């Protein structure tokens, strides 16, 4: 089942950004499942497993990017860039 995370929450696509700090320690990655379950991705192997599920359309990967004036929720939809960061 594919989910429409962008309809549930106003997400910004990582593809829209000029730069995304994938390896910044302040960025929190999470996996969003069709049933609404949200799991934080702490370790590299968790991120790799989430990546494969996201590629298959079984989940979405989102990241919380803390900012100076606001915290942003970003949809990780550039799978190649995410994979290279692992």
Protein backbone atom coordinates (compact mmCIF):
# COMPACT_ATOMS: atom_id res chain seq x y z
CA UNK A 1 0.00 0.00 0.00
CA UNK A 2 1.39 3.38 -0.95
CA UNK A 3 0.89 6.32 1.35
CA UNK A 4 0.48 9.98 0.61
CA UNK A 5 2.53 11.54 3.40
CA UNK A 6 2.50 14.95 1.74
CA UNK A 7 -1.30 15.08 2.01
CA UNK A 8 -1.26 14.16 5.70
CA UNK A 9 1.37 16.72 6.68
CA UNK A 10 2.71 19.71 4.79
CA UNK A 11 6.10 18.24 3.89
CA UNK A 12 8.78 19.87 1.83
CA UNK A 13 10.62 17.65 -0.63
CA UNK A 14 14.37 17.35 -0.20
CA UNK A 15 14.58 17.65 -4.01
CA UNK A 16 13.38 21.26 -3.69
CA UNK A 17 16.38 22.21 -1.55
CA UNK A 18 19.74 23.30 -2.91
CA UNK A 19 21.52 21.46 -0.11
CA UNK A 20 20.53 19.02 2.62
CA UNK A 21 22.89 18.13 5.50
CA UNK A 22 22.33 14.36 5.51
CA UNK A 23 25.27 13.75 7.84
CA UNK A 24 24.56 16.56 10.29
CA UNK A 25 24.16 15.10 13.80
CA UNK A 26 21.21 17.44 14.48
CA UNK A 27 19.08 15.94 11.70
CA UNK A 28 16.62 13.32 12.95
CA UNK A 29 15.48 10.72 10.40
CA UNK A 30 12.20 8.86 10.81
CA UNK A 31 10.22 6.31 8.85
CA UNK A 32 6.49 6.87 8.35
CA UNK A 33 4.32 3.81 7.72
CA UNK A 34 0.88 3.64 6.06
CA UNK A 35 -0.79 2.87 9.41
CA UNK A 36 0.56 6.14 10.85
CA UNK A 37 3.35 4.53 12.85
CA UNK A 38 6.47 6.67 13.06
CA UNK A 39 9.86 5.17 13.96
CA UNK A 40 13.08 7.06 14.54
CA UNK A 41 16.05 5.80 12.55
CA UNK A 42 19.13 5.85 14.75
CA UNK A 43 21.58 3.50 13.07
CA UNK A 44 22.94 3.09 9.57
CA UNK A 45 21.40 -0.38 9.10
CA UNK A 46 17.98 1.02 10.11
CA UNK A 47 18.33 3.77 7.53
CA UNK A 48 19.31 1.26 4.83
CA UNK A 49 16.33 -0.96 5.60
CA UNK A 50 14.02 2.07 5.59
CA UNK A 51 15.49 3.17 2.26
CA UNK A 52 14.57 -0.13 0.61
CA UNK A 53 11.03 0.03 2.01
CA UNK A 54 10.68 3.63 0.78
CA UNK A 55 11.92 2.70 -2.69
CA UNK A 56 9.28 -0.06 -2.78
CA UNK A 57 6.59 2.43 -1.72
CA UNK A 58 5.96 0.68 1.61
CA UNK A 59 6.90 3.71 3.73
CA UNK A 60 8.23 7.26 3.57
CA UNK A 61 11.41 8.65 5.09
CA UNK A 62 11.17 12.06 6.70
CA UNK A 63 13.72 14.18 8.50
CA UNK A 64 13.42 16.89 11.09
CA UNK A 65 15.78 19.72 10.28
CA UNK A 66 16.16 22.18 13.15
CA UNK A 67 16.44 25.76 12.01
CA UNK A 68 17.13 29.14 13.51
CA UNK A 69 13.59 30.45 13.11
CA UNK A 70 11.65 27.22 12.59
CA UNK A 71 12.02 23.47 12.56
CA UNK A 72 11.20 21.87 9.24
CA UNK A 73 9.92 18.46 8.32
CA UNK A 74 11.48 17.27 5.09
CA UNK A 75 10.38 14.36 2.88
CA UNK A 76 13.45 12.39 1.86
CA UNK A 77 12.60 11.56 -1.74
CA UNK A 78 16.07 11.78 -3.27
CA UNK A 79 16.97 8.17 -2.63
CA UNK A 80 20.33 8.34 -4.41
CA UNK A 81 21.59 11.19 -2.23
CA UNK A 82 20.29 9.50 0.92
CA UNK A 83 22.00 6.22 -0.04
CA UNK A 84 25.31 8.01 -0.69
CA UNK A 85 25.17 9.57 2.77
CA UNK A 86 25.06 6.12 4.38
